[in-house]
Each structure stands twice: as C-alpha cells, then as structure tokens.
C-alpha atoms as a PDB file:
ATOM      1  CA  UNK A   1      -3.631  -6.481  13.736  1.00  0.00           C
ATOM      2  CA  UNK A   2      -3.330  -3.308  11.669  1.00  0.00           C
ATOM      3  CA  UNK A   3      -6.582  -1.414  11.934  1.00  0.00           C
ATOM      4  CA  UNK A   4      -6.168   2.269  11.144  1.00  0.00           C
ATOM      5  CA  UNK A   5      -8.687   3.559  13.672  1.00  0.00           C
ATOM      6  CA  UNK A   6      -7.383   7.112  13.337  1.00  0.00           C
ATOM      7  CA  UNK A   7      -8.420   7.153   9.674  1.00  0.00           C
ATOM      8  CA  UNK A   8     -11.272   4.668   9.274  1.00  0.00           C
ATOM      9  CA  UNK A   9     -14.156   3.036  11.105  1.00  0.00           C
ATOM     10  CA  UNK A  10     -13.711  -0.715  11.362  1.00  0.00           C
ATOM     11  CA  UNK A  11     -16.513  -2.524   9.522  1.00  0.00           C
ATOM     12  CA  UNK A  12     -14.794  -5.794   8.743  1.00  0.00           C
ATOM     13  CA  UNK A  13     -15.439  -8.686   6.420  1.00  0.00           C
ATOM     14  CA  UNK A  14     -14.489 -12.346   6.566  1.00  0.00           C
ATOM     15  CA  UNK A  15     -13.676 -12.301   2.862  1.00  0.00           C
ATOM     16  CA  UNK A  16      -9.907 -11.987   2.721  1.00  0.00           C
ATOM     17  CA  UNK A  17      -6.787 -14.028   2.165  1.00  0.00           C
ATOM     18  CA  UNK A  18      -3.624 -14.685   4.122  1.00  0.00           C
ATOM     19  CA  UNK A  19      -0.783 -12.399   5.071  1.00  0.00           C
ATOM     20  CA  UNK A  20       0.373  -9.825   2.518  1.00  0.00           C
ATOM     21  CA  UNK A  21       3.725 -10.814   1.040  1.00  0.00           C
ATOM     22  CA  UNK A  22       4.785  -7.167   0.802  1.00  0.00           C
ATOM     23  CA  UNK A  23       3.256  -3.701   0.702  1.00  0.00           C
ATOM     24  CA  UNK A  24       4.054  -2.208  -2.693  1.00  0.00           C
ATOM     25  CA  UNK A  25       1.445   0.511  -2.537  1.00  0.00           C
ATOM     26  CA  UNK A  26      -2.200   1.525  -2.505  1.00  0.00           C
ATOM     27  CA  UNK A  27      -4.498   0.729  -5.443  1.00  0.00           C
ATOM     28  CA  UNK A  28      -7.448   3.028  -6.243  1.00  0.00           C
ATOM     29  CA  UNK A  29     -10.757   1.521  -7.409  1.00  0.00           C
ATOM     30  CA  UNK A  30     -14.171   2.963  -8.223  1.00  0.00           C
ATOM     31  CA  UNK A  31     -16.954   1.172  -6.361  1.00  0.00           C
ATOM     32  CA  UNK A  32     -19.675   1.541  -9.012  1.00  0.00           C
ATOM     33  CA  UNK A  33     -21.944   2.108  -6.045  1.00  0.00           C
ATOM     34  CA  UNK A  34     -22.659   3.971  -2.836  1.00  0.00           C
ATOM     35  CA  UNK A  35     -20.658   3.846   0.385  1.00  0.00           C
ATOM     36  CA  UNK A  36     -23.098   1.897   2.562  1.00  0.00           C
ATOM     37  CA  UNK A  37     -24.011  -0.413  -0.293  1.00  0.00           C
ATOM     38  CA  UNK A  38     -20.360  -1.236  -0.960  1.00  0.00           C
ATOM     39  CA  UNK A  39     -19.813  -2.044   2.717  1.00  0.00           C
ATOM     40  CA  UNK A  40     -22.850  -4.336   2.723  1.00  0.00           C
ATOM     41  CA  UNK A  41     -21.758  -6.017  -0.513  1.00  0.00           C
ATOM     42  CA  UNK A  42     -18.322  -6.816   0.909  1.00  0.00           C
ATOM     43  CA  UNK A  43     -19.893  -8.265   4.047  1.00  0.00           C
ATOM     44  CA  UNK A  44     -22.194 -10.555   2.055  1.00  0.00           C
ATOM     45  CA  UNK A  45     -21.378 -14.058   0.950  1.00  0.00           C
ATOM     46  CA  UNK A  46     -19.156 -13.242  -2.011  1.00  0.00           C
ATOM     47  CA  UNK A  47     -15.463 -13.195  -2.895  1.00  0.00           C
ATOM     48  CA  UNK A  48     -15.004  -9.424  -3.023  1.00  0.00           C
ATOM     49  CA  UNK A  49     -13.315  -7.134  -0.519  1.00  0.00           C
ATOM     50  CA  UNK A  50     -11.007  -4.141  -0.231  1.00  0.00           C
ATOM     51  CA  UNK A  51      -8.953  -2.767   2.616  1.00  0.00           C
ATOM     52  CA  UNK A  52     -10.790   0.567   2.627  1.00  0.00           C
ATOM     53  CA  UNK A  53     -13.945   2.209   1.262  1.00  0.00           C
ATOM     54  CA  UNK A  54     -14.149   6.012   0.995  1.00  0.00           C
ATOM     55  CA  UNK A  55     -17.429   7.899   0.680  1.00  0.00           C
ATOM     56  CA  UNK A  56     -17.969  11.118  -1.289  1.00  0.00           C
ATOM     57  CA  UNK A  57     -17.762  13.133   1.934  1.00  0.00           C
ATOM     58  CA  UNK A  58     -14.453  11.534   2.974  1.00  0.00           C
ATOM     59  CA  UNK A  59     -15.981   9.076   5.452  1.00  0.00           C
ATOM     60  CA  UNK A  60     -13.844   5.951   5.475  1.00  0.00           C
ATOM     61  CA  UNK A  61     -14.438   2.320   6.439  1.00  0.00           C
ATOM     62  CA  UNK A  62     -11.798  -0.355   6.867  1.00  0.00           C
ATOM     63  CA  UNK A  63     -12.871  -3.817   5.778  1.00  0.00           C
ATOM     64  CA  UNK A  64      -9.629  -5.843   5.919  1.00  0.00           C
ATOM     65  CA  UNK A  65      -6.580  -5.650   8.179  1.00  0.00           C
ATOM     66  CA  UNK A  66      -3.686  -3.991   6.339  1.00  0.00           C
ATOM     67  CA  UNK A  67      -1.471  -7.016   7.022  1.00  0.00           C
ATOM     68  CA  UNK A  68      -3.964  -9.311   5.229  1.00  0.00           C
ATOM     69  CA  UNK A  69      -4.811  -9.770   1.556  1.00  0.00           C
ATOM     70  CA  UNK A  70      -8.067  -8.247   0.327  1.00  0.00           C
ATOM     71  CA  UNK A  71      -9.823  -9.860  -2.641  1.00  0.00           C
ATOM     72  CA  UNK A  72      -9.932  -6.957  -5.048  1.00  0.00           C
ATOM     73  CA  UNK A  73      -7.301  -7.190  -7.799  1.00  0.00           C
ATOM     74  CA  UNK A  74      -6.693 -10.916  -8.280  1.00  0.00           C
ATOM     75  CA  UNK A  75      -2.971 -11.654  -8.732  1.00  0.00           C
ATOM     76  CA  UNK A  76      -2.149  -8.251  -7.264  1.00  0.00           C
ATOM     77  CA  UNK A  77      -3.798  -9.083  -3.958  1.00  0.00           C
ATOM     78  CA  UNK A  78      -0.624 -10.447  -2.362  1.00  0.00           C
ATOM     79  CA  UNK A  79       1.317  -7.176  -2.554  1.00  0.00           C
ATOM     80  CA  UNK A  80      -1.057  -4.185  -2.617  1.00  0.00           C
ATOM     81  CA  UNK A  81      -3.435  -2.368  -0.306  1.00  0.00           C
ATOM     82  CA  UNK A  82      -6.709  -1.280  -1.897  1.00  0.00           C
ATOM     83  CA  UNK A  83      -9.304   1.467  -1.584  1.00  0.00           C
ATOM     84  CA  UNK A  84     -12.768   1.467  -3.168  1.00  0.00           C
ATOM     85  CA  UNK A  85     -14.178   4.941  -3.830  1.00  0.00           C
ATOM     86  CA  UNK A  86     -17.924   5.574  -3.842  1.00  0.00           C
ATOM     87  CA  UNK A  87     -18.874   6.678  -7.337  1.00  0.00           C
ATOM     88  CA  UNK A  88     -20.045   5.641 -10.795  1.00  0.00           C
ATOM     89  CA  UNK A  89     -17.941   5.530 -13.931  1.00  0.00           C
ATOM     90  CA  UNK A  90     -19.300   6.944 -17.185  1.00  0.00           C
ATOM     91  CA  UNK A  91     -20.059   3.416 -18.403  1.00  0.00           C
ATOM     92  CA  UNK A  92     -22.383   2.745 -15.438  1.00  0.00           C
ATOM     93  CA  UNK A  93     -26.140   2.754 -16.027  1.00  0.00           C
ATOM     94  CA  UNK A  94     -26.421   4.900 -12.882  1.00  0.00           C
ATOM     95  CA  UNK A  95     -24.001   7.589 -14.047  1.00  0.00           C
ATOM     96  CA  UNK A  96     -26.586   9.747 -15.889  1.00  0.00           C
ATOM     97  CA  UNK A  97     -28.299  10.344 -12.546  1.00  0.00           C
ATOM     98  CA  UNK A  98     -24.948  11.085 -10.861  1.00  0.00           C
ATOM     99  CA  UNK A  99     -23.020  13.514 -13.073  1.00  0.00           C
ATOM    100  CA  UNK A 100     -19.491  14.096 -11.844  1.00  0.00           C
ATOM    101  CA  UNK A 101     -19.379  10.882  -9.843  1.00  0.00           C
ATOM    102  CA  UNK A 102     -16.766   9.504 -12.248  1.00  0.00           C
ATOM    103  CA  UNK A 103     -14.289  11.763 -10.454  1.00  0.00           C
ATOM    104  CA  UNK A 104     -13.153  11.829  -6.839  1.00  0.00           C
ATOM    105  CA  UNK A 105     -14.350  14.653  -4.626  1.00  0.00           C
ATOM    106  CA  UNK A 106     -11.795  16.845  -2.862  1.00  0.00           C
ATOM    107  CA  UNK A 107     -12.682  15.076   0.391  1.00  0.00           C
ATOM    108  CA  UNK A 108     -12.030  11.681  -1.163  1.00  0.00           C
ATOM    109  CA  UNK A 109      -8.677  12.915  -2.472  1.00  0.00           C
ATOM    110  CA  UNK A 110      -7.741  14.092   1.027  1.00  0.00           C
ATOM    111  CA  UNK A 111      -8.715  10.814   2.651  1.00  0.00           C
ATOM    112  CA  UNK A 112      -6.847   8.671   0.116  1.00  0.00           C
ATOM    113  CA  UNK A 113      -3.813  10.922   0.597  1.00  0.00           C
ATOM    114  CA  UNK A 114      -3.963  10.238   4.329  1.00  0.00           C
ATOM    115  CA  UNK A 115      -4.153   6.489   3.643  1.00  0.00           C
ATOM    116  CA  UNK A 116      -1.121   6.720   1.354  1.00  0.00           C
ATOM    117  CA  UNK A 117       0.793   8.740   3.963  1.00  0.00           C
ATOM    118  CA  UNK A 118      -0.061   6.118   6.597  1.00  0.00           C
ATOM    119  CA  UNK A 119       1.117   3.323   4.277  1.00  0.00           C
ATOM    120  CA  UNK A 120       4.346   5.258   3.857  1.00  0.00           C
ATOM    121  CA  UNK A 121       4.811   5.610   7.620  1.00  0.00           C
ATOM    122  CA  UNK A 122       3.879   2.023   8.518  1.00  0.00           C
ATOM    123  CA  UNK A 123       5.220   0.052   5.570  1.00  0.00           C
ATOM    124  CA  UNK A 124       7.667   2.301   3.737  1.00  0.00           C
ATOM    125  CA  UNK A 125       5.409   2.682   0.691  1.00  0.00           C
ATOM    126  CA  UNK A 126       6.931   5.499  -1.405  1.00  0.00           C
ATOM    127  CA  UNK A 127       4.759   8.562  -1.934  1.00  0.00           C
ATOM    128  CA  UNK A 128       4.821   8.501  -5.697  1.00  0.00           C
ATOM    129  CA  UNK A 129       2.716   7.378  -8.653  1.00  0.00           C
ATOM    130  CA  UNK A 130       2.813   3.737  -9.702  1.00  0.00           C
ATOM    131  CA  UNK A 131       1.789   2.889 -13.262  1.00  0.00           C
ATOM    132  CA  UNK A 132       2.351  -0.879 -13.323  1.00  0.00           C
ATOM    133  CA  UNK A 133       2.501  -3.849 -10.929  1.00  0.00           C
ATOM    134  CA  UNK A 134       6.302  -3.526 -11.044  1.00  0.00           C
ATOM    135  CA  UNK A 135       6.094  -0.057  -9.513  1.00  0.00           C
ATOM    136  CA  UNK A 136       5.503   1.113  -5.972  1.00  0.00           C
ATOM    137  CA  UNK A 137       3.317   3.882  -4.623  1.00  0.00           C
ATOM    138  CA  UNK A 138      -0.186   4.972  -5.634  1.00  0.00           C
ATOM    139  CA  UNK A 139      -1.573   2.638  -8.269  1.00  0.00           C
ATOM    140  CA  UNK A 140      -4.922   2.046  -9.945  1.00  0.00           C
ATOM    141  CA  UNK A 141      -6.832  -1.148 -10.728  1.00  0.00           C
ATOM    142  CA  UNK A 142      -6.518  -1.224 -14.512  1.00  0.00           C
ATOM    143  CA  UNK A 143      -2.713  -0.848 -14.416  1.00  0.00           C
ATOM    144  CA  UNK A 144      -2.570  -4.589 -13.721  1.00  0.00           C
ATOM    145  CA  UNK A 145      -4.245  -5.520 -17.001  1.00  0.00           C
ATOM    146  CA  UNK A 146      -6.310  -8.698 -17.433  1.00  0.00           C
ATOM    147  CA  UNK A 147      -4.480 -10.559 -14.659  1.00  0.00           C
ATOM    148  CA  UNK A 148      -5.773  -7.970 -12.186  1.00  0.00           C
ATOM    149  CA  UNK A 149      -9.309  -8.456 -13.449  1.00  0.00           C
ATOM    150  CA  UNK A 150     -10.333  -5.063 -14.825  1.00  0.00           C
ATOM    151  CA  UNK A 151      -9.284  -2.859 -17.746  1.00  0.00           C
ATOM    152  CA  UNK A 152     -11.559   0.121 -17.007  1.00  0.00           C
ATOM    153  CA  UNK A 153     -11.424   0.642 -13.231  1.00  0.00           C
ATOM    154  CA  UNK A 154     -11.284   3.327 -11.913  1.00  0.00           C
ATOM    155  CA  UNK A 155     -11.425   5.151 -15.267  1.00  0.00           C
ATOM    156  CA  UNK A 156      -9.365   7.944 -16.821  1.00  0.00           C
ATOM    157  CA  UNK A 157     -10.917  10.806 -14.766  1.00  0.00           C
ATOM    158  CA  UNK A 158      -9.741   9.265 -11.479  1.00  0.00           C
ATOM    159  CA  UNK A 159      -6.390   8.164 -12.884  1.00  0.00           C
ATOM    160  CA  UNK A 160      -5.834  11.813 -13.832  1.00  0.00           C
ATOM    161  CA  UNK A 161      -6.376  12.747 -10.167  1.00  0.00           C
ATOM    162  CA  UNK A 162      -3.568  10.558  -8.855  1.00  0.00           C
ATOM    163  CA  UNK A 163      -0.981  13.405  -8.958  1.00  0.00           C
ATOM    164  CA  UNK A 164      -3.260  15.487  -6.713  1.00  0.00           C
ATOM    165  CA  UNK A 165      -3.447  12.624  -4.209  1.00  0.00           C
ATOM    166  CA  UNK A 166       0.331  12.212  -4.174  1.00  0.00           C
ATOM    167  CA  UNK A 167       0.852  15.968  -3.810  1.00  0.00           C
ATOM    168  CA  UNK A 168      -1.495  16.045  -0.831  1.00  0.00           C
ATOM    169  CA  UNK A 169       0.193  13.014   0.758  1.00  0.00           C
ATOM    170  CA  UNK A 170       3.577  14.722   0.420  1.00  0.00           C
ATOM    171  CA  UNK A 171       2.179  17.710   2.294  1.00  0.00           C
ATOM    172  CA  UNK A 172       0.945  15.403   5.052  1.00  0.00           C
ATOM    173  CA  UNK A 173       4.349  13.799   5.579  1.00  0.00           C
ATOM    174  CA  UNK A 174       6.146  17.129   5.526  1.00  0.00           C
ATOM    175  CA  UNK A 175       6.973  17.703   1.895  1.00  0.00           C
ATOM    176  CA  UNK A 176       9.483  14.973   1.236  1.00  0.00           C
ATOM    177  CA  UNK A 177       9.339  11.201   1.696  1.00  0.00           C
ATOM    178  CA  UNK A 178      11.310   9.800   4.587  1.00  0.00           C
ATOM    179  CA  UNK A 179      13.249   6.572   4.165  1.00  0.00           C
ATOM    180  CA  UNK A 180      12.210   4.269   6.966  1.00  0.00           C
ATOM    181  CA  UNK A 181      14.997   3.030   9.247  1.00  0.00           C
ATOM    182  CA  UNK A 182      15.071  -0.588  10.406  1.00  0.00           C
ATOM    183  CA  UNK A 183      16.591  -1.723  13.669  1.00  0.00           C
ATOM    184  CA  UNK A 184      16.390  -4.310  16.433  1.00  0.00           C
ATOM    185  CA  UNK A 185      12.764  -5.158  17.238  1.00  0.00           C
ATOM    186  CA  UNK A 186      11.268  -4.256  13.845  1.00  0.00           C
ATOM    187  CA  UNK A 187       9.322  -6.787  11.814  1.00  0.00           C
ATOM    188  CA  UNK A 188       7.339  -7.118   8.602  1.00  0.00           C
ATOM    189  CA  UNK A 189       7.694  -7.627   4.846  1.00  0.00           C
ATOM    190  CA  UNK A 190      10.295  -4.888   4.420  1.00  0.00           C
ATOM    191  CA  UNK A 191      12.492  -6.525   7.045  1.00  0.00           C
ATOM    192  CA  UNK A 192      12.316  -9.712   4.975  1.00  0.00           C
ATOM    193  CA  UNK A 193      13.473  -7.703   1.970  1.00  0.00           C
ATOM    194  CA  UNK A 194      16.325  -6.237   4.031  1.00  0.00           C
ATOM    195  CA  UNK A 195      17.400  -9.692   5.198  1.00  0.00           C
ATOM    196  CA  UNK A 196      17.343 -11.093   1.665  1.00  0.00           C
ATOM    197  CA  UNK A 197      19.357  -8.148   0.341  1.00  0.00           C
ATOM    198  CA  UNK A 198      21.933  -8.526   3.117  1.00  0.00           C
ATOM    199  CA  UNK A 199      22.347 -12.204   2.238  1.00  0.00           C
ATOM    200  CA  UNK A 200      23.251 -11.175  -1.317  1.00  0.00           C
ATOM    201  CA  UNK A 201      26.329  -9.255  -0.137  1.00  0.00           C
ATOM    202  CA  UNK A 202      29.399 -11.515  -0.524  1.00  0.00           C
ATOM    203  CA  UNK A 203      31.947 -11.971   2.221  1.00  0.00           C
ATOM    204  CA  UNK A 204      29.686 -10.983   5.107  1.00  0.00           C
ATOM    205  CA  UNK A 205      29.477 -14.301   6.916  1.00  0.00           C
ATOM    206  CA  UNK A 206      26.597 -16.681   7.406  1.00  0.00           C
ATOM    207  CA  UNK A 207      23.238 -15.840   5.878  1.00  0.00           C
ATOM    208  CA  UNK A 208      20.527 -14.639   8.202  1.00  0.00           C
ATOM    209  CA  UNK A 209      17.119 -16.340   8.237  1.00  0.00           C
ATOM    210  CA  UNK A 210      14.660 -14.410   6.056  1.00  0.00           C
ATOM    211  CA  UNK A 211      11.753 -14.376   8.486  1.00  0.00           C
ATOM    212  CA  UNK A 212      10.801 -10.695   8.685  1.00  0.00           C
ATOM    213  CA  UNK A 213      11.993 -10.354  12.301  1.00  0.00           C
ATOM    214  CA  UNK A 214      14.855  -7.964  13.038  1.00  0.00           C
ATOM    215  CA  UNK A 215      16.500  -9.886  15.872  1.00  0.00           C
ATOM    216  CA  UNK A 216      20.108 -10.125  17.126  1.00  0.00           C
ATOM    217  CA  UNK A 217      21.240 -12.184  14.095  1.00  0.00           C
ATOM    218  CA  UNK A 218      19.877  -9.588  11.674  1.00  0.00           C
ATOM    219  CA  UNK A 219      21.477  -6.829  13.737  1.00  0.00           C
ATOM    220  CA  UNK A 220      24.874  -8.517  13.464  1.00  0.00           C
ATOM    221  CA  UNK A 221      24.377  -9.202   9.746  1.00  0.00           C
ATOM    222  CA  UNK A 222      23.564  -5.533   9.100  1.00  0.00           C
ATOM    223  CA  UNK A 223      26.734  -4.528  10.977  1.00  0.00           C
ATOM    224  CA  UNK A 224      28.829  -6.881   8.837  1.00  0.00           C
ATOM    225  CA  UNK A 225      27.230  -5.449   5.703  1.00  0.00           C
ATOM    226  CA  UNK A 226      27.992  -1.919   6.894  1.00  0.00           C
ATOM    227  CA  UNK A 227      31.635  -2.863   7.484  1.00  0.00           C
ATOM    228  CA  UNK A 228      31.730  -4.361   3.986  1.00  0.00           C
ATOM    229  CA  UNK A 229      30.525  -1.090   2.444  1.00  0.00           C
ATOM    230  CA  UNK A 230      32.716   1.009   4.788  1.00  0.00           C
ATOM    231  CA  UNK A 231      29.864   3.051   6.170  1.00  0.00           C
ATOM    232  CA  UNK A 232      28.883   3.832   9.771  1.00  0.00           C
ATOM    233  CA  UNK A 233      28.487   0.606  11.728  1.00  0.00           C
ATOM    234  CA  UNK A 234      25.494   0.939  14.050  1.00  0.00           C
ATOM    235  CA  UNK A 235      23.202  -1.978  13.166  1.00  0.00           C
ATOM    236  CA  UNK A 236      20.523   0.423  11.929  1.00  0.00           C
ATOM    237  CA  UNK A 237      19.516  -0.005   8.276  1.00  0.00           C
ATOM    238  CA  UNK A 238      18.924   3.635   7.401  1.00  0.00           C
ATOM    239  CA  UNK A 239      19.002   5.477   4.061  1.00  0.00           C
ATOM    240  CA  UNK A 240      22.712   4.910   3.392  1.00  0.00           C
ATOM    241  CA  UNK A 241      22.619   1.188   4.169  1.00  0.00           C
ATOM    242  CA  UNK A 242      19.431   0.688   2.148  1.00  0.00           C
ATOM    243  CA  UNK A 243      20.925   2.563  -0.815  1.00  0.00           C
ATOM    244  CA  UNK A 244      24.007   0.323  -0.734  1.00  0.00           C
ATOM    245  CA  UNK A 245      21.694  -2.709  -0.743  1.00  0.00           C
ATOM    246  CA  UNK A 246      19.617  -1.338  -3.636  1.00  0.00           C
ATOM    247  CA  UNK A 247      16.480  -0.993  -1.532  1.00  0.00           C
ATOM    248  CA  UNK A 248      15.706   2.619  -2.481  1.00  0.00           C
ATOM    249  CA  UNK A 249      12.268   3.271  -4.008  1.00  0.00           C
END
C-alpha cells in the first residue's frame, strides 16, 4: 500500500479502480466545495474519488492508495494521480459568498508541491508542467478534454498557479529534478517501462518478462543493454542508461 502518512491523513474510500498502469503525474482539480464535505461526498455511495483532498489551510486527506486508480478524470484515471482542492470556481453559485476561492491559497500551493515532490521521489514523476494527457508532470483536469469529463476544471486562475507549484516542488527536491535509478529489488510501473525499452534494443539476447519486477533476469538484461551502448556495466539503470533507452522525461 502507498499511503503518504507524512503528508496526508488517511480517510479512505471504497470507490476506486484497479492498479495504476503508470504514474504520469498529478492532476489538479477544484472541488466546488469544502474540505470536509468533499471527503464525505467521496465516501458516499457514488462513483467519484480522488487520491488527495487539500483544504484552504493546507490540511490534506488521502482517499485512495497511490498505486490504485481514483475515479476522477475518466480515461485519465489509469495513469494519473489526482488532488481535489477545496474552493469554488467563478461559475459556482456559491462563489459570490466566497470571493477569491477560485484560486489556491499559498498553503494549498505548498501542499500540492509536496505531493508533486513525493510523486517524483516515489514514481519518477518529472517536476514540470504538463499541458496534455501525453505529457508528464503537474497537470489539470480540463487538459484532458471531453474524454476526461470536464472542460472547466479547475479554471484559469488555478491553471495560472501551476508554475508556482512546480517552482515550490523544485525547491523541495533541492532545486533540480533527480533521475531515479533502478536496480535489483525495485518494482513498479516504471520498471515495466524499463523492461519494455530494454527489449526494444536489438542484439541483446532474450527478452525479459515485462512484469514490473527488477529481478536477476532484468539485471542481466540491463547489463547486456549497457554493453550494447558501450557505457558502464553495473546493472543499475541510471540517467545514462535511461537516456540511451529514451526514457528521459
């Protein structure tokens, strides 16, 4: 299980799908509601959920394990983490009583930045802005168009704040993104990508099973790939090996 207890209180909902196919990034949503109300809504008998909910004061709840699919952006659910932000867009009937709630607070920006930095550390999500489902990094709901289910969420004011979130996340990770290294014992969607990319390299022997588990066979395959590219042979898929395989963000 991937419950980020250092960043969020576990609230949980049974409304989620299967295992995420990959972790392309973190998608920002506006809740069109309050923090506690959004938690309660996701725990009710409906088909809505998100991985995280962030209140105006930066308080954060986790609703879905980060290795599972939340039900929040339709066809994008299989590849993206999601965060609902307490607030009301300008089109909401409640916005007149909540001026400024169409924008994230500084505390919300900080919390989302920490979530993005954690996604970078755990899943190799690049700390950058994504503007379409083909990208990777910090996205927003409406970038997926009709197939993602919403053309107005989270709204232009929050979309304009994405650079501030990325800038803060870069500060958290030390100023520059680190390329994750993969080695014996690792597992997950990015290992599956590594295995598939290694199998595309001609003349490197038998294909390795694409199962997301970096075992002895994957270790040997990586070494053969490194010999093929005439780089250091150590069985560790670091920045140089990933660049040769075209895995760079």
